[in-house]
Amino acid sequence: MSDLTTRQQLLESADRHEHELERALLDLKHAAQRPFEAVTGVRNNVAQHPVPWLIGFVLIGVWLGRAFRTREADQ
C-alpha cells in the first residue's frame, strides 16, 4: 500500500511542477515579446505619418554629415 501512496504523491508532485513550468514558460514568452511591442508601435507610427519621420531623418543625416566634415577639417 505504501508504494501506491508514494506513486500517487509523485504523480501529484509531477503534475504540480508541470503546471508551474507551464506558467513560468508563459511568463518568459510574454517577457520576451514585450520589447518588440514598442518596436511595433513605432513602426505603426512611422507608417501612419511617414513624411515627418523622413524629414527628421534627413535633418539628422545633414547634421551628422556636417559634424563629420568639420571634424575631418580640424584634423
PDB file of N, CA and C in Angstrom:
ATOM      1  N   MET A   1       0.806  -1.193   0.000  1.00  0.00           N
ATOM      2  CA  MET A   1       0.000   0.000   0.000  1.00  0.00           C
ATOM      3  C   MET A   1       0.850   1.258   0.000  1.00  0.00           C
ATOM      4  N   SER A   2       2.020   1.213   0.607  1.00  0.00           N
ATOM      5  CA  SER A   2       2.849   2.403   0.669  1.00  0.00           C
ATOM      6  C   SER A   2       3.407   2.746  -0.715  1.00  0.00           C
ATOM      7  N   ASP A   3       3.635   1.729  -1.553  1.00  0.00           N
ATOM      8  CA  ASP A   3       4.094   2.001  -2.913  1.00  0.00           C
ATOM      9  C   ASP A   3       3.031   2.756  -3.703  1.00  0.00           C
ATOM     10  N   LEU A   4       1.794   2.423  -3.484  1.00  0.00           N
ATOM     11  CA  LEU A   4       0.698   3.088  -4.173  1.00  0.00           C
ATOM     12  C   LEU A   4       0.574   4.552  -3.732  1.00  0.00           C
ATOM     13  N   THR A   5       0.688   4.810  -2.445  1.00  0.00           N
ATOM     14  CA  THR A   5       0.602   6.195  -1.962  1.00  0.00           C
ATOM     15  C   THR A   5       1.814   6.999  -2.411  1.00  0.00           C
ATOM     16  N   THR A   6       2.985   6.368  -2.407  1.00  0.00           N
ATOM     17  CA  THR A   6       4.187   7.058  -2.874  1.00  0.00           C
ATOM     18  C   THR A   6       4.060   7.400  -4.350  1.00  0.00           C
ATOM     19  N   ARG A   7       3.557   6.468  -5.118  1.00  0.00           N
ATOM     20  CA  ARG A   7       3.367   6.713  -6.551  1.00  0.00           C
ATOM     21  C   ARG A   7       2.372   7.841  -6.772  1.00  0.00           C
ATOM     22  N   GLN A   8       1.291   7.832  -5.996  1.00  0.00           N
ATOM     23  CA  GLN A   8       0.275   8.874  -6.120  1.00  0.00           C
ATOM     24  C   GLN A   8       0.862  10.238  -5.756  1.00  0.00           C
ATOM     25  N   GLN A   9       1.675  10.297  -4.700  1.00  0.00           N
ATOM     26  CA  GLN A   9       2.304  11.550  -4.304  1.00  0.00           C
ATOM     27  C   GLN A   9       3.258  12.049  -5.386  1.00  0.00           C
ATOM     28  N   LEU A  10       4.001  11.122  -5.986  1.00  0.00           N
ATOM     29  CA  LEU A  10       4.922  11.511  -7.053  1.00  0.00           C
ATOM     30  C   LEU A  10       4.166  12.042  -8.267  1.00  0.00           C
ATOM     31  N   LEU A  11       3.052  11.409  -8.615  1.00  0.00           N
ATOM     32  CA  LEU A  11       2.248  11.877  -9.738  1.00  0.00           C
ATOM     33  C   LEU A  11       1.669  13.268  -9.461  1.00  0.00           C
ATOM     34  N   GLU A  12       1.192  13.487  -8.249  1.00  0.00           N
ATOM     35  CA  GLU A  12       0.668  14.800  -7.893  1.00  0.00           C
ATOM     36  C   GLU A  12       1.767  15.857  -7.926  1.00  0.00           C
ATOM     37  N   SER A  13       2.932  15.495  -7.411  1.00  0.00           N
ATOM     38  CA  SER A  13       4.049  16.431  -7.416  1.00  0.00           C
ATOM     39  C   SER A  13       4.487  16.751  -8.850  1.00  0.00           C
ATOM     40  N   ALA A  14       4.546  15.750  -9.704  1.00  0.00           N
ATOM     41  CA  ALA A  14       4.921  15.972 -11.096  1.00  0.00           C
ATOM     42  C   ALA A  14       3.893  16.846 -11.802  1.00  0.00           C
ATOM     43  N   ASP A  15       2.625  16.626 -11.517  1.00  0.00           N
ATOM     44  CA  ASP A  15       1.569  17.434 -12.120  1.00  0.00           C
ATOM     45  C   ASP A  15       1.673  18.886 -11.666  1.00  0.00           C
ATOM     46  N   ARG A  16       1.926  19.088 -10.382  1.00  0.00           N
ATOM     47  CA  ARG A  16       2.074  20.442  -9.845  1.00  0.00           C
ATOM     48  C   ARG A  16       3.284  21.144 -10.476  1.00  0.00           C
ATOM     49  N   HIS A  17       4.404  20.438 -10.596  1.00  0.00           N
ATOM     50  CA  HIS A  17       5.597  21.021 -11.199  1.00  0.00           C
ATOM     51  C   HIS A  17       5.391  21.307 -12.691  1.00  0.00           C
ATOM     52  N   GLU A  18       4.626  20.470 -13.348  1.00  0.00           N
ATOM     53  CA  GLU A  18       4.338  20.698 -14.762  1.00  0.00           C
ATOM     54  C   GLU A  18       3.542  21.994 -14.950  1.00  0.00           C
ATOM     55  N   HIS A  19       2.576  22.226 -14.081  1.00  0.00           N
ATOM     56  CA  HIS A  19       1.783  23.455 -14.161  1.00  0.00           C
ATOM     57  C   HIS A  19       2.653  24.680 -13.855  1.00  0.00           C
ATOM     58  N   GLU A  20       3.543  24.549 -12.876  1.00  0.00           N
ATOM     59  CA  GLU A  20       4.448  25.650 -12.560  1.00  0.00           C
ATOM     60  C   GLU A  20       5.378  25.948 -13.735  1.00  0.00           C
ATOM     61  N   LEU A  21       5.851  24.912 -14.395  1.00  0.00           N
ATOM     62  CA  LEU A  21       6.729  25.083 -15.552  1.00  0.00           C
ATOM     63  C   LEU A  21       5.983  25.745 -16.707  1.00  0.00           C
ATOM     64  N   GLU A  22       4.748  25.332 -16.945  1.00  0.00           N
ATOM     65  CA  GLU A  22       3.945  25.954 -17.998  1.00  0.00           C
ATOM     66  C   GLU A  22       3.732  27.434 -17.712  1.00  0.00           C
ATOM     67  N   ARG A  23       3.457  27.773 -16.451  1.00  0.00           N
ATOM     68  CA  ARG A  23       3.249  29.165 -16.067  1.00  0.00           C
ATOM     69  C   ARG A  23       4.546  29.967 -16.244  1.00  0.00           C
ATOM     70  N   ALA A  24       5.678  29.380 -15.856  1.00  0.00           N
ATOM     71  CA  ALA A  24       6.959  30.069 -15.996  1.00  0.00           C
ATOM     72  C   ALA A  24       7.306  30.283 -17.469  1.00  0.00           C
ATOM     73  N   LEU A  25       7.035  29.299 -18.309  1.00  0.00           N
ATOM     74  CA  LEU A  25       7.305  29.449 -19.738  1.00  0.00           C
ATOM     75  C   LEU A  25       6.414  30.513 -20.369  1.00  0.00           C
ATOM     76  N   LEU A  26       5.177  30.587 -19.937  1.00  0.00           N
ATOM     77  CA  LEU A  26       4.269  31.611 -20.440  1.00  0.00           C
ATOM     78  C   LEU A  26       4.747  33.006 -20.024  1.00  0.00           C
ATOM     79  N   ASP A  27       5.183  33.132 -18.767  1.00  0.00           N
ATOM     80  CA  ASP A  27       5.732  34.412 -18.309  1.00  0.00           C
ATOM     81  C   ASP A  27       6.973  34.793 -19.100  1.00  0.00           C
ATOM     82  N   LEU A  28       7.829  33.825 -19.376  1.00  0.00           N
ATOM     83  CA  LEU A  28       9.034  34.069 -20.155  1.00  0.00           C
ATOM     84  C   LEU A  28       8.685  34.496 -21.575  1.00  0.00           C
ATOM     85  N   LYS A  29       7.691  33.862 -22.158  1.00  0.00           N
ATOM     86  CA  LYS A  29       7.259  34.217 -23.509  1.00  0.00           C
ATOM     87  C   LYS A  29       6.756  35.655 -23.555  1.00  0.00           C
ATOM     88  N   HIS A  30       5.955  36.042 -22.566  1.00  0.00           N
ATOM     89  CA  HIS A  30       5.449  37.416 -22.514  1.00  0.00           C
ATOM     90  C   HIS A  30       6.582  38.416 -22.295  1.00  0.00           C
ATOM     91  N   ALA A  31       7.536  38.066 -21.459  1.00  0.00           N
ATOM     92  CA  ALA A  31       8.664  38.965 -21.203  1.00  0.00           C
ATOM     93  C   ALA A  31       9.523  39.125 -22.452  1.00  0.00           C
ATOM     94  N   ALA A  32       9.654  38.075 -23.227  1.00  0.00           N
ATOM     95  CA  ALA A  32      10.464  38.152 -24.448  1.00  0.00           C
ATOM     96  C   ALA A  32       9.756  38.955 -25.530  1.00  0.00           C
ATOM     97  N   GLN A  33       8.448  38.957 -25.554  1.00  0.00           N
ATOM     98  CA  GLN A  33       7.693  39.685 -26.571  1.00  0.00           C
ATOM     99  C   GLN A  33       7.517  41.154 -26.229  1.00  0.00           C
ATOM    100  N   ARG A  34       7.663  41.513 -24.962  1.00  0.00           N
ATOM    101  CA  ARG A  34       7.406  42.883 -24.526  1.00  0.00           C
ATOM    102  C   ARG A  34       8.268  43.923 -25.240  1.00  0.00           C
ATOM    103  N   PRO A  35       9.583  43.734 -25.417  1.00  0.00           N
ATOM    104  CA  PRO A  35      10.366  44.762 -26.123  1.00  0.00           C
ATOM    105  C   PRO A  35       9.932  44.966 -27.568  1.00  0.00           C
ATOM    106  N   PHE A  36       9.453  43.927 -28.207  1.00  0.00           N
ATOM    107  CA  PHE A  36       9.048  44.035 -29.600  1.00  0.00           C
ATOM    108  C   PHE A  36       7.722  44.779 -29.757  1.00  0.00           C
ATOM    109  N   GLU A  37       6.949  44.872 -28.693  1.00  0.00           N
ATOM    110  CA  GLU A  37       5.704  45.631 -28.758  1.00  0.00           C
ATOM    111  C   GLU A  37       5.995  47.118 -28.975  1.00  0.00           C
ATOM    112  N   ALA A  38       7.072  47.621 -28.373  1.00  0.00           N
ATOM    113  CA  ALA A  38       7.458  49.025 -28.568  1.00  0.00           C
ATOM    114  C   ALA A  38       7.874  49.263 -30.014  1.00  0.00           C
ATOM    115  N   VAL A  39       8.602  48.314 -30.585  1.00  0.00           N
ATOM    116  CA  VAL A  39       9.031  48.441 -31.982  1.00  0.00           C
ATOM    117  C   VAL A  39       7.819  48.456 -32.903  1.00  0.00           C
ATOM    118  N   THR A  40       6.860  47.637 -32.617  1.00  0.00           N
ATOM    119  CA  THR A  40       5.648  47.594 -33.426  1.00  0.00           C
ATOM    120  C   THR A  40       4.910  48.925 -33.348  1.00  0.00           C
ATOM    121  N   GLY A  41       4.873  49.530 -32.163  1.00  0.00           N
ATOM    122  CA  GLY A  41       4.221  50.821 -32.007  1.00  0.00           C
ATOM    123  C   GLY A  41       4.912  51.902 -32.820  1.00  0.00           C
ATOM    124  N   VAL A  42       6.247  51.912 -32.807  1.00  0.00           N
ATOM    125  CA  VAL A  42       6.996  52.893 -33.599  1.00  0.00           C
ATOM    126  C   VAL A  42       6.791  52.635 -35.083  1.00  0.00           C
ATOM    127  N   ARG A  43       6.823  51.377 -35.474  1.00  0.00           N
ATOM    128  CA  ARG A  43       6.624  51.029 -36.886  1.00  0.00           C
ATOM    129  C   ARG A  43       5.264  51.506 -37.379  1.00  0.00           C
ATOM    130  N   ASN A  44       4.244  51.319 -36.568  1.00  0.00           N
ATOM    131  CA  ASN A  44       2.901  51.781 -36.951  1.00  0.00           C
ATOM    132  C   ASN A  44       2.847  53.303 -37.030  1.00  0.00           C
ATOM    133  N   ASN A  45       3.525  53.975 -36.114  1.00  0.00           N
ATOM    134  CA  ASN A  45       3.541  55.425 -36.122  1.00  0.00           C
ATOM    135  C   ASN A  45       4.244  55.953 -37.367  1.00  0.00           C
ATOM    136  N   VAL A  46       5.362  55.341 -37.744  1.00  0.00           N
ATOM    137  CA  VAL A  46       6.076  55.750 -38.950  1.00  0.00           C
ATOM    138  C   VAL A  46       5.223  55.478 -40.187  1.00  0.00           C
ATOM    139  N   ALA A  47       4.534  54.360 -40.208  1.00  0.00           N
ATOM    140  CA  ALA A  47       3.695  54.018 -41.357  1.00  0.00           C
ATOM    141  C   ALA A  47       2.516  54.986 -41.495  1.00  0.00           C
ATOM    142  N   GLN A  48       2.002  55.463 -40.387  1.00  0.00           N
ATOM    143  CA  GLN A  48       0.859  56.374 -40.440  1.00  0.00           C
ATOM    144  C   GLN A  48       1.282  57.799 -40.818  1.00  0.00           C
ATOM    145  N   HIS A  49       2.494  58.201 -40.422  1.00  0.00           N
ATOM    146  CA  HIS A  49       2.976  59.567 -40.662  1.00  0.00           C
ATOM    147  C   HIS A  49       4.402  59.522 -41.218  1.00  0.00           C
ATOM    148  N   PRO A  50       4.601  59.080 -42.453  1.00  0.00           N
ATOM    149  CA  PRO A  50       5.970  58.896 -42.950  1.00  0.00           C
ATOM    150  C   PRO A  50       6.716  60.190 -43.252  1.00  0.00           C
ATOM    151  N   VAL A  51       6.022  61.232 -43.666  1.00  0.00           N
ATOM    152  CA  VAL A  51       6.698  62.465 -44.090  1.00  0.00           C
ATOM    153  C   VAL A  51       7.463  63.131 -42.935  1.00  0.00           C
ATOM    154  N   PRO A  52       6.866  63.335 -41.768  1.00  0.00           N
ATOM    155  CA  PRO A  52       7.648  63.944 -40.683  1.00  0.00           C
ATOM    156  C   PRO A  52       8.868  63.105 -40.290  1.00  0.00           C
ATOM    157  N   TRP A  53       8.707  61.782 -40.314  1.00  0.00           N
ATOM    158  CA  TRP A  53       9.834  60.925 -39.983  1.00  0.00           C
ATOM    159  C   TRP A  53      10.927  61.047 -41.039  1.00  0.00           C
ATOM    160  N   LEU A  54      10.552  61.098 -42.302  1.00  0.00           N
ATOM    161  CA  LEU A  54      11.526  61.233 -43.381  1.00  0.00           C
ATOM    162  C   LEU A  54      12.275  62.557 -43.261  1.00  0.00           C
ATOM    163  N   ILE A  55      11.548  63.623 -43.012  1.00  0.00           N
ATOM    164  CA  ILE A  55      12.190  64.932 -42.849  1.00  0.00           C
ATOM    165  C   ILE A  55      13.132  64.911 -41.642  1.00  0.00           C
ATOM    166  N   GLY A  56      12.705  64.318 -40.566  1.00  0.00           N
ATOM    167  CA  GLY A  56      13.552  64.215 -39.376  1.00  0.00           C
ATOM    168  C   GLY A  56      14.821  63.430 -39.639  1.00  0.00           C
ATOM    169  N   PHE A  57      14.698  62.310 -40.342  1.00  0.00           N
ATOM    170  CA  PHE A  57      15.884  61.506 -40.639  1.00  0.00           C
ATOM    171  C   PHE A  57      16.838  62.246 -41.574  1.00  0.00           C
ATOM    172  N   VAL A  58      16.296  62.990 -42.538  1.00  0.00           N
ATOM    173  CA  VAL A  58      17.148  63.768 -43.439  1.00  0.00           C
ATOM    174  C   VAL A  58      17.879  64.851 -42.650  1.00  0.00           C
ATOM    175  N   LEU A  59      17.184  65.547 -41.770  1.00  0.00           N
ATOM    176  CA  LEU A  59      17.819  66.588 -40.964  1.00  0.00           C
ATOM    177  C   LEU A  59      18.912  66.018 -40.054  1.00  0.00           C
ATOM    178  N   ILE A  60      18.646  64.878 -39.465  1.00  0.00           N
ATOM    179  CA  ILE A  60      19.673  64.231 -38.634  1.00  0.00           C
ATOM    180  C   ILE A  60      20.867  63.832 -39.488  1.00  0.00           C
ATOM    181  N   GLY A  61      20.621  63.328 -40.680  1.00  0.00           N
ATOM    182  CA  GLY A  61      21.717  62.965 -41.577  1.00  0.00           C
ATOM    183  C   GLY A  61      22.556  64.164 -41.978  1.00  0.00           C
ATOM    184  N   VAL A  62      21.898  65.288 -42.274  1.00  0.00           N
ATOM    185  CA  VAL A  62      22.630  66.509 -42.627  1.00  0.00           C
ATOM    186  C   VAL A  62      23.449  66.985 -41.436  1.00  0.00           C
ATOM    187  N   TRP A  63      22.843  66.967 -40.265  1.00  0.00           N
ATOM    188  CA  TRP A  63      23.543  67.409 -39.055  1.00  0.00           C
ATOM    189  C   TRP A  63      24.766  66.533 -38.771  1.00  0.00           C
ATOM    190  N   LEU A  64      24.600  65.214 -38.849  1.00  0.00           N
ATOM    191  CA  LEU A  64      25.728  64.314 -38.617  1.00  0.00           C
ATOM    192  C   LEU A  64      26.786  64.455 -39.708  1.00  0.00           C
ATOM    193  N   GLY A  65      26.362  64.667 -40.950  1.00  0.00           N
ATOM    194  CA  GLY A  65      27.312  64.863 -42.043  1.00  0.00           C
ATOM    195  C   GLY A  65      28.146  66.112 -41.846  1.00  0.00           C
ATOM    196  N   ARG A  66      27.533  67.181 -41.402  1.00  0.00           N
ATOM    197  CA  ARG A  66      28.275  68.416 -41.132  1.00  0.00           C
ATOM    198  C   ARG A  66      29.250  68.220 -39.981  1.00  0.00           C
ATOM    199  N   ALA A  67      28.798  67.556 -38.943  1.00  0.00           N
ATOM    200  CA  ALA A  67      29.677  67.323 -37.797  1.00  0.00           C
ATOM    201  C   ALA A  67      30.881  66.486 -38.220  1.00  0.00           C
ATOM    202  N   PHE A  68      30.669  65.499 -39.080  1.00  0.00           N
ATOM    203  CA  PHE A  68      31.760  64.645 -39.536  1.00  0.00           C
ATOM    204  C   PHE A  68      32.734  65.449 -40.403  1.00  0.00           C
ATOM    205  N   ARG A  69      32.204  66.319 -41.292  1.00  0.00           N
ATOM    206  CA  ARG A  69      33.074  67.127 -42.161  1.00  0.00           C
ATOM    207  C   ARG A  69      33.902  68.113 -41.351  1.00  0.00           C
ATOM    208  N   THR A  70      33.286  68.748 -40.350  1.00  0.00           N
ATOM    209  CA  THR A  70      34.047  69.721 -39.555  1.00  0.00           C
ATOM    210  C   THR A  70      35.103  69.006 -38.711  1.00  0.00           C
ATOM    211  N   ARG A  71      34.847  67.800 -38.295  1.00  0.00           N
ATOM    212  CA  ARG A  71      35.835  67.035 -37.542  1.00  0.00           C
ATOM    213  C   ARG A  71      37.029  66.688 -38.441  1.00  0.00           C
ATOM    214  N   GLU A  72      36.752  66.311 -39.708  1.00  0.00           N
ATOM    215  CA  GLU A  72      37.829  65.989 -40.642  1.00  0.00           C
ATOM    216  C   GLU A  72      38.636  67.224 -40.971  1.00  0.00           C
ATOM    217  N   ALA A  73      37.983  68.386 -41.094  1.00  0.00           N
ATOM    218  CA  ALA A  73      38.676  69.626 -41.445  1.00  0.00           C
ATOM    219  C   ALA A  73      39.593  70.071 -40.298  1.00  0.00           C
ATOM    220  N   ASP A  74      39.198  69.770 -39.064  1.00  0.00           N
ATOM    221  CA  ASP A  74      40.024  70.175 -37.914  1.00  0.00           C
ATOM    222  C   ASP A  74      41.291  69.333 -37.810  1.00  0.00           C
ATOM    223  N   GLN A  75      41.292  68.166 -38.365  1.00  0.00           N
ATOM    224  CA  GLN A  75      42.468  67.284 -38.243  1.00  0.00           C
ATOM    225  C   GLN A  75      43.452  67.665 -39.236  1.00  0.00           C
TER     226      GLN A  75
END
